[in-house]
Amino acid sequence: MSEALRASAVRRDGQDWATLVYLAVLEKGAALETLKSLKVRRMRYPEPRFGTQDEELSSIIADLSAGHAPARIDVTPDELFEP
């Protein structure tokens, strides 16, 4: 599954936000280099939604770099959608 997520993320230049999040949750630190490279690739596509996603992706990368699970998304589904 992780190989399929990674291949999809790379093929789409990191444009599919859910794929990046699932990859980070599934692979944790092993996804770090892929996420860093895709953060740069996403800059090719001027999408307004990428602004907030870029901040969140930076947070995910920082958490993984510190050896932690992504704090914002490593929660139960009920907590994930609370403001």
PDB file of N, CA and C in Angstrom:
ATOM      1  N   MET A   1       0.819  -1.190   0.000  1.00  0.00           N
ATOM      2  CA  MET A   1       0.000   0.000   0.000  1.00  0.00           C
ATOM      3  C   MET A   1       0.869   1.262   0.000  1.00  0.00           C
ATOM      4  N   SER A   2       1.920   1.240   0.792  1.00  0.00           N
ATOM      5  CA  SER A   2       2.750   2.443   0.865  1.00  0.00           C
ATOM      6  C   SER A   2       3.441   2.727  -0.470  1.00  0.00           C
ATOM      7  N   GLU A   3       3.823   1.676  -1.196  1.00  0.00           N
ATOM      8  CA  GLU A   3       4.438   1.886  -2.508  1.00  0.00           C
ATOM      9  C   GLU A   3       3.460   2.538  -3.473  1.00  0.00           C
ATOM     10  N   ALA A   4       2.194   2.124  -3.408  1.00  0.00           N
ATOM     11  CA  ALA A   4       1.170   2.713  -4.281  1.00  0.00           C
ATOM     12  C   ALA A   4       0.922   4.174  -3.922  1.00  0.00           C
ATOM     13  N   LEU A   5       0.880   4.482  -2.627  1.00  0.00           N
ATOM     14  CA  LEU A   5       0.694   5.874  -2.201  1.00  0.00           C
ATOM     15  C   LEU A   5       1.864   6.749  -2.647  1.00  0.00           C
ATOM     16  N   ARG A   6       3.063   6.233  -2.450  1.00  0.00           N
ATOM     17  CA  ARG A   6       4.256   6.994  -2.849  1.00  0.00           C
ATOM     18  C   ARG A   6       4.257   7.234  -4.357  1.00  0.00           C
ATOM     19  N   ALA A   7       3.972   6.196  -5.141  1.00  0.00           N
ATOM     20  CA  ALA A   7       3.954   6.326  -6.601  1.00  0.00           C
ATOM     21  C   ALA A   7       2.897   7.342  -7.041  1.00  0.00           C
ATOM     22  N   SER A   8       1.735   7.303  -6.411  1.00  0.00           N
ATOM     23  CA  SER A   8       0.676   8.251  -6.754  1.00  0.00           C
ATOM     24  C   SER A   8       1.084   9.678  -6.405  1.00  0.00           C
ATOM     25  N   ALA A   9       1.670   9.862  -5.229  1.00  0.00           N
ATOM     26  CA  ALA A   9       2.097  11.194  -4.803  1.00  0.00           C
ATOM     27  C   ALA A   9       3.144  11.767  -5.749  1.00  0.00           C
ATOM     28  N   VAL A  10       4.098  10.948  -6.136  1.00  0.00           N
ATOM     29  CA  VAL A  10       5.166  11.403  -7.032  1.00  0.00           C
ATOM     30  C   VAL A  10       4.617  11.684  -8.426  1.00  0.00           C
ATOM     31  N   ARG A  11       3.773  10.791  -8.924  1.00  0.00           N
ATOM     32  CA  ARG A  11       3.205  10.952 -10.263  1.00  0.00           C
ATOM     33  C   ARG A  11       2.402  12.244 -10.371  1.00  0.00           C
ATOM     34  N   ARG A  12       1.708  12.606  -9.297  1.00  0.00           N
ATOM     35  CA  ARG A  12       0.869  13.816  -9.322  1.00  0.00           C
ATOM     36  C   ARG A  12       1.588  15.040  -8.758  1.00  0.00           C
ATOM     37  N   ASP A  13       2.899  14.944  -8.557  1.00  0.00           N
ATOM     38  CA  ASP A  13       3.691  16.062  -8.037  1.00  0.00           C
ATOM     39  C   ASP A  13       3.162  16.595  -6.707  1.00  0.00           C
ATOM     40  N   GLY A  14       2.590  15.725  -5.886  1.00  0.00           N
ATOM     41  CA  GLY A  14       2.124  16.123  -4.565  1.00  0.00           C
ATOM     42  C   GLY A  14       0.869  16.952  -4.557  1.00  0.00           C
ATOM     43  N   GLN A  15       0.136  16.986  -5.658  1.00  0.00           N
ATOM     44  CA  GLN A  15      -1.070  17.800  -5.721  1.00  0.00           C
ATOM     45  C   GLN A  15      -2.239  17.202  -4.946  1.00  0.00           C
ATOM     46  N   ASP A  16      -2.252  15.896  -4.755  1.00  0.00           N
ATOM     47  CA  ASP A  16      -3.348  15.240  -4.048  1.00  0.00           C
ATOM     48  C   ASP A  16      -3.038  15.242  -2.552  1.00  0.00           C
ATOM     49  N   TRP A  17      -3.669  16.152  -1.846  1.00  0.00           N
ATOM     50  CA  TRP A  17      -3.381  16.365  -0.431  1.00  0.00           C
ATOM     51  C   TRP A  17      -3.629  15.105   0.395  1.00  0.00           C
ATOM     52  N   ALA A  18      -4.720  14.424   0.163  1.00  0.00           N
ATOM     53  CA  ALA A  18      -5.040  13.229   0.952  1.00  0.00           C
ATOM     54  C   ALA A  18      -3.956  12.163   0.805  1.00  0.00           C
ATOM     55  N   THR A  19      -3.409  12.011  -0.372  1.00  0.00           N
ATOM     56  CA  THR A  19      -2.348  11.034  -0.599  1.00  0.00           C
ATOM     57  C   THR A  19      -1.117  11.376   0.230  1.00  0.00           C
ATOM     58  N   LEU A  20      -0.767  12.651   0.314  1.00  0.00           N
ATOM     59  CA  LEU A  20       0.379  13.060   1.119  1.00  0.00           C
ATOM     60  C   LEU A  20       0.151  12.774   2.600  1.00  0.00           C
ATOM     61  N   VAL A  21      -1.044  13.059   3.053  1.00  0.00           N
ATOM     62  CA  VAL A  21      -1.372  12.833   4.468  1.00  0.00           C
ATOM     63  C   VAL A  21      -1.335  11.343   4.788  1.00  0.00           C
ATOM     64  N   TYR A  22      -1.961  10.532   3.948  1.00  0.00           N
ATOM     65  CA  TYR A  22      -1.959   9.085   4.185  1.00  0.00           C
ATOM     66  C   TYR A  22      -0.539   8.527   4.149  1.00  0.00           C
ATOM     67  N   LEU A  23       0.279   9.015   3.243  1.00  0.00           N
ATOM     68  CA  LEU A  23       1.658   8.562   3.152  1.00  0.00           C
ATOM     69  C   LEU A  23       2.415   8.906   4.438  1.00  0.00           C
ATOM     70  N   ALA A  24       2.217  10.108   4.948  1.00  0.00           N
ATOM     71  CA  ALA A  24       2.879  10.529   6.188  1.00  0.00           C
ATOM     72  C   ALA A  24       2.438   9.676   7.374  1.00  0.00           C
ATOM     73  N   VAL A  25       1.158   9.391   7.457  1.00  0.00           N
ATOM     74  CA  VAL A  25       0.647   8.593   8.569  1.00  0.00           C
ATOM     75  C   VAL A  25       1.125   7.149   8.465  1.00  0.00           C
ATOM     76  N   LEU A  26       1.113   6.603   7.268  1.00  0.00           N
ATOM     77  CA  LEU A  26       1.477   5.207   7.080  1.00  0.00           C
ATOM     78  C   LEU A  26       2.980   4.968   7.252  1.00  0.00           C
ATOM     79  N   GLU A  27       3.797   5.794   6.617  1.00  0.00           N
ATOM     80  CA  GLU A  27       5.235   5.554   6.612  1.00  0.00           C
ATOM     81  C   GLU A  27       6.014   6.337   7.651  1.00  0.00           C
ATOM     82  N   LYS A  28       5.403   7.347   8.203  1.00  0.00           N
ATOM     83  CA  LYS A  28       6.054   8.222   9.172  1.00  0.00           C
ATOM     84  C   LYS A  28       7.416   8.701   8.653  1.00  0.00           C
ATOM     85  N   GLY A  29       8.502   8.451   9.353  1.00  0.00           N
ATOM     86  CA  GLY A  29       9.823   8.968   8.970  1.00  0.00           C
ATOM     87  C   GLY A  29      10.306   8.519   7.609  1.00  0.00           C
ATOM     88  N   ALA A  30       9.856   7.353   7.157  1.00  0.00           N
ATOM     89  CA  ALA A  30      10.281   6.857   5.844  1.00  0.00           C
ATOM     90  C   ALA A  30       9.739   7.719   4.707  1.00  0.00           C
ATOM     91  N   ALA A  31       8.702   8.477   4.975  1.00  0.00           N
ATOM     92  CA  ALA A  31       8.103   9.341   3.951  1.00  0.00           C
ATOM     93  C   ALA A  31       8.743  10.725   3.905  1.00  0.00           C
ATOM     94  N   LEU A  32       9.627  10.998   4.813  1.00  0.00           N
ATOM     95  CA  LEU A  32      10.168  12.350   4.974  1.00  0.00           C
ATOM     96  C   LEU A  32      10.800  12.919   3.708  1.00  0.00           C
ATOM     97  N   GLU A  33      11.703  12.189   3.085  1.00  0.00           N
ATOM     98  CA  GLU A  33      12.375  12.702   1.887  1.00  0.00           C
ATOM     99  C   GLU A  33      11.396  12.918   0.738  1.00  0.00           C
ATOM    100  N   THR A  34      10.442  12.005   0.589  1.00  0.00           N
ATOM    101  CA  THR A  34       9.430  12.159  -0.461  1.00  0.00           C
ATOM    102  C   THR A  34       8.600  13.404  -0.215  1.00  0.00           C
ATOM    103  N   LEU A  35       8.167  13.609   1.028  1.00  0.00           N
ATOM    104  CA  LEU A  35       7.349  14.780   1.349  1.00  0.00           C
ATOM    105  C   LEU A  35       8.124  16.076   1.127  1.00  0.00           C
ATOM    106  N   LYS A  36       9.386  16.091   1.483  1.00  0.00           N
ATOM    107  CA  LYS A  36      10.206  17.298   1.267  1.00  0.00           C
ATOM    108  C   LYS A  36      10.319  17.618  -0.222  1.00  0.00           C
ATOM    109  N   SER A  37      10.559  16.595  -1.033  1.00  0.00           N
ATOM    110  CA  SER A  37      10.701  16.861  -2.472  1.00  0.00           C
ATOM    111  C   SER A  37       9.368  17.273  -3.090  1.00  0.00           C
ATOM    112  N   LEU A  38       8.286  16.687  -2.618  1.00  0.00           N
ATOM    113  CA  LEU A  38       6.977  17.043  -3.176  1.00  0.00           C
ATOM    114  C   LEU A  38       6.526  18.424  -2.727  1.00  0.00           C
ATOM    115  N   LYS A  39       6.988  18.868  -1.578  1.00  0.00           N
ATOM    116  CA  LYS A  39       6.662  20.228  -1.129  1.00  0.00           C
ATOM    117  C   LYS A  39       7.186  21.243  -2.139  1.00  0.00           C
ATOM    118  N   VAL A  40       8.377  20.990  -2.670  1.00  0.00           N
ATOM    119  CA  VAL A  40       8.962  21.876  -3.680  1.00  0.00           C
ATOM    120  C   VAL A  40       8.221  21.731  -5.009  1.00  0.00           C
ATOM    121  N   ARG A  41       7.911  20.511  -5.400  1.00  0.00           N
ATOM    122  CA  ARG A  41       7.224  20.283  -6.679  1.00  0.00           C
ATOM    123  C   ARG A  41       5.849  20.935  -6.724  1.00  0.00           C
ATOM    124  N   ARG A  42       5.180  20.986  -5.567  1.00  0.00           N
ATOM    125  CA  ARG A  42       3.839  21.591  -5.523  1.00  0.00           C
ATOM    126  C   ARG A  42       3.864  23.064  -5.915  1.00  0.00           C
ATOM    127  N   MET A  43       5.015  23.699  -5.809  1.00  0.00           N
ATOM    128  CA  MET A  43       5.117  25.124  -6.148  1.00  0.00           C
ATOM    129  C   MET A  43       4.893  25.384  -7.630  1.00  0.00           C
ATOM    130  N   ARG A  44       4.971  24.343  -8.438  1.00  0.00           N
ATOM    131  CA  ARG A  44       4.739  24.503  -9.882  1.00  0.00           C
ATOM    132  C   ARG A  44       3.288  24.835 -10.207  1.00  0.00           C
ATOM    133  N   TYR A  45       2.404  24.543  -9.271  1.00  0.00           N
ATOM    134  CA  TYR A  45       0.965  24.665  -9.519  1.00  0.00           C
ATOM    135  C   TYR A  45       0.373  25.747  -8.626  1.00  0.00           C
ATOM    136  N   PRO A  46       0.007  26.887  -9.205  1.00  0.00           N
ATOM    137  CA  PRO A  46      -0.541  27.983  -8.397  1.00  0.00           C
ATOM    138  C   PRO A  46      -2.010  27.725  -8.010  1.00  0.00           C
ATOM    139  N   GLU A  47      -2.203  27.045  -6.917  1.00  0.00           N
ATOM    140  CA  GLU A  47      -3.537  26.745  -6.416  1.00  0.00           C
ATOM    141  C   GLU A  47      -3.741  27.479  -5.094  1.00  0.00           C
ATOM    142  N   PRO A  48      -4.859  28.179  -4.922  1.00  0.00           N
ATOM    143  CA  PRO A  48      -5.066  28.917  -3.670  1.00  0.00           C
ATOM    144  C   PRO A  48      -5.115  28.011  -2.440  1.00  0.00           C
ATOM    145  N   ARG A  49      -5.616  26.787  -2.600  1.00  0.00           N
ATOM    146  CA  ARG A  49      -5.722  25.886  -1.445  1.00  0.00           C
ATOM    147  C   ARG A  49      -4.364  25.378  -0.990  1.00  0.00           C
ATOM    148  N   PHE A  50      -3.350  25.480  -1.840  1.00  0.00           N
ATOM    149  CA  PHE A  50      -2.032  24.989  -1.476  1.00  0.00           C
ATOM    150  C   PHE A  50      -1.394  25.833  -0.366  1.00  0.00           C
ATOM    151  N   GLY A  51      -1.848  27.060  -0.191  1.00  0.00           N
ATOM    152  CA  GLY A  51      -1.271  27.926   0.850  1.00  0.00           C
ATOM    153  C   GLY A  51      -1.417  27.336   2.234  1.00  0.00           C
ATOM    154  N   THR A  52      -2.630  26.989   2.622  1.00  0.00           N
ATOM    155  CA  THR A  52      -2.840  26.391   3.942  1.00  0.00           C
ATOM    156  C   THR A  52      -2.281  24.977   3.990  1.00  0.00           C
ATOM    157  N   GLN A  53      -2.363  24.257   2.889  1.00  0.00           N
ATOM    158  CA  GLN A  53      -1.803  22.914   2.858  1.00  0.00           C
ATOM    159  C   GLN A  53      -0.284  22.963   2.995  1.00  0.00           C
ATOM    160  N   ASP A  54       0.340  23.996   2.450  1.00  0.00           N
ATOM    161  CA  ASP A  54       1.792  24.125   2.553  1.00  0.00           C
ATOM    162  C   ASP A  54       2.216  24.306   4.005  1.00  0.00           C
ATOM    163  N   GLU A  55       1.468  25.100   4.746  1.00  0.00           N
ATOM    164  CA  GLU A  55       1.763  25.281   6.168  1.00  0.00           C
ATOM    165  C   GLU A  55       1.602  23.962   6.912  1.00  0.00           C
ATOM    166  N   GLU A  56       0.540  23.239   6.614  1.00  0.00           N
ATOM    167  CA  GLU A  56       0.288  21.948   7.253  1.00  0.00           C
ATOM    168  C   GLU A  56       1.368  20.939   6.865  1.00  0.00           C
ATOM    169  N   LEU A  57       1.785  20.938   5.599  1.00  0.00           N
ATOM    170  CA  LEU A  57       2.833  20.038   5.144  1.00  0.00           C
ATOM    171  C   LEU A  57       4.156  20.355   5.847  1.00  0.00           C
ATOM    172  N   SER A  58       4.445  21.620   6.046  1.00  0.00           N
ATOM    173  CA  SER A  58       5.648  22.016   6.782  1.00  0.00           C
ATOM    174  C   SER A  58       5.592  21.489   8.215  1.00  0.00           C
ATOM    175  N   SER A  59       4.418  21.549   8.822  1.00  0.00           N
ATOM    176  CA  SER A  59       4.238  21.038  10.175  1.00  0.00           C
ATOM    177  C   SER A  59       4.436  19.524  10.227  1.00  0.00           C
ATOM    178  N   ILE A  60       3.897  18.825   9.237  1.00  0.00           N
ATOM    179  CA  ILE A  60       4.055  17.367   9.157  1.00  0.00           C
ATOM    180  C   ILE A  60       5.531  17.012   9.005  1.00  0.00           C
ATOM    181  N   ILE A  61       6.227  17.719   8.125  1.00  0.00           N
ATOM    182  CA  ILE A  61       7.651  17.467   7.902  1.00  0.00           C
ATOM    183  C   ILE A  61       8.449  17.736   9.185  1.00  0.00           C
ATOM    184  N   ALA A  62       8.113  18.814   9.885  1.00  0.00           N
ATOM    185  CA  ALA A  62       8.807  19.132  11.142  1.00  0.00           C
ATOM    186  C   ALA A  62       8.575  18.035  12.185  1.00  0.00           C
ATOM    187  N   ASP A  63       7.339  17.570  12.300  1.00  0.00           N
ATOM    188  CA  ASP A  63       7.037  16.497  13.258  1.00  0.00           C
ATOM    189  C   ASP A  63       7.796  15.222  12.912  1.00  0.00           C
ATOM    190  N   LEU A  64       7.785  14.848  11.638  1.00  0.00           N
ATOM    191  CA  LEU A  64       8.483  13.634  11.225  1.00  0.00           C
ATOM    192  C   LEU A  64       9.993  13.768  11.405  1.00  0.00           C
ATOM    193  N   SER A  65      10.522  14.951  11.142  1.00  0.00           N
ATOM    194  CA  SER A  65      11.960  15.191  11.320  1.00  0.00           C
ATOM    195  C   SER A  65      12.381  15.052  12.782  1.00  0.00           C
ATOM    196  N   ALA A  66      11.459  15.399  13.683  1.00  0.00           N
ATOM    197  CA  ALA A  66      11.737  15.291  15.117  1.00  0.00           C
ATOM    198  C   ALA A  66      11.481  13.883  15.641  1.00  0.00           C
ATOM    199  N   GLY A  67      11.037  12.984  14.764  1.00  0.00           N
ATOM    200  CA  GLY A  67      10.783  11.613  15.170  1.00  0.00           C
ATOM    201  C   GLY A  67       9.414  11.382  15.773  1.00  0.00           C
ATOM    202  N   HIS A  68       8.494  12.331  15.552  1.00  0.00           N
ATOM    203  CA  HIS A  68       7.141  12.228  16.097  1.00  0.00           C
ATOM    204  C   HIS A  68       6.141  11.927  14.989  1.00  0.00           C
ATOM    205  N   ALA A  69       5.010  11.372  15.371  1.00  0.00           N
ATOM    206  CA  ALA A  69       3.901  11.226  14.426  1.00  0.00           C
ATOM    207  C   ALA A  69       3.344  12.619  14.159  1.00  0.00           C
ATOM    208  N   PRO A  70       2.789  12.854  12.982  1.00  0.00           N
ATOM    209  CA  PRO A  70       2.207  14.177  12.689  1.00  0.00           C
ATOM    210  C   PRO A  70       1.109  14.524  13.700  1.00  0.00           C
ATOM    211  N   ALA A  71       1.341  15.536  14.512  1.00  0.00           N
ATOM    212  CA  ALA A  71       0.459  15.868  15.639  1.00  0.00           C
ATOM    213  C   ALA A  71      -0.969  16.188  15.213  1.00  0.00           C
ATOM    214  N   ARG A  72      -1.136  16.949  14.204  1.00  0.00           N
ATOM    215  CA  ARG A  72      -2.476  17.410  13.806  1.00  0.00           C
ATOM    216  C   ARG A  72      -3.334  16.299  13.230  1.00  0.00           C
ATOM    217  N   ILE A  73      -2.718  15.310  12.582  1.00  0.00           N
ATOM    218  CA  ILE A  73      -3.509  14.287  11.897  1.00  0.00           C
ATOM    219  C   ILE A  73      -3.441  12.912  12.534  1.00  0.00           C
ATOM    220  N   ASP A  74      -2.608  12.733  13.550  1.00  0.00           N
ATOM    221  CA  ASP A  74      -2.509  11.440  14.215  1.00  0.00           C
ATOM    222  C   ASP A  74      -3.468  11.400  15.405  1.00  0.00           C
ATOM    223  N   VAL A  75      -4.754  11.547  15.103  1.00  0.00           N
ATOM    224  CA  VAL A  75      -5.815  11.575  16.111  1.00  0.00           C
ATOM    225  C   VAL A  75      -6.979  10.712  15.627  1.00  0.00           C
ATOM    226  N   THR A  76      -7.965  10.549  16.491  1.00  0.00           N
ATOM    227  CA  THR A  76      -9.142   9.780  16.086  1.00  0.00           C
ATOM    228  C   THR A  76      -9.932  10.565  15.034  1.00  0.00           C
ATOM    229  N   PRO A  77     -10.750   9.890  14.225  1.00  0.00           N
ATOM    230  CA  PRO A  77     -11.518  10.586  13.183  1.00  0.00           C
ATOM    231  C   PRO A  77     -12.404  11.701  13.729  1.00  0.00           C
ATOM    232  N   ASP A  78     -12.990  11.512  14.915  1.00  0.00           N
ATOM    233  CA  ASP A  78     -13.835  12.560  15.488  1.00  0.00           C
ATOM    234  C   ASP A  78     -13.041  13.823  15.778  1.00  0.00           C
ATOM    235  N   GLU A  79     -11.831  13.672  16.266  1.00  0.00           N
ATOM    236  CA  GLU A  79     -10.992  14.810  16.589  1.00  0.00           C
ATOM    237  C   GLU A  79     -10.420  15.481  15.360  1.00  0.00           C
ATOM    238  N   LEU A  80     -10.270  14.736  14.301  1.00  0.00           N
ATOM    239  CA  LEU A  80      -9.650  15.258  13.085  1.00  0.00           C
ATOM    240  C   LEU A  80     -10.438  16.414  12.493  1.00  0.00           C
ATOM    241  N   PHE A  81     -11.752  16.364  12.607  1.00  0.00           N
ATOM    242  CA  PHE A  81     -12.580  17.389  11.974  1.00  0.00           C
ATOM    243  C   PHE A  81     -13.080  18.451  12.945  1.00  0.00           C
ATOM    244  N   GLU A  82     -12.611  18.433  14.191  1.00  0.00           N
ATOM    245  CA  GLU A  82     -12.964  19.485  15.134  1.00  0.00           C
ATOM    246  C   GLU A  82     -12.074  20.695  14.866  1.00  0.00           C
ATOM    247  N   PRO A  83     -12.633  21.906  15.023  1.00  0.00           N
ATOM    248  CA  PRO A  83     -11.824  23.113  14.767  1.00  0.00           C
ATOM    249  C   PRO A  83     -10.737  23.321  15.786  1.00  0.00           C
TER     250      PRO A  83
END
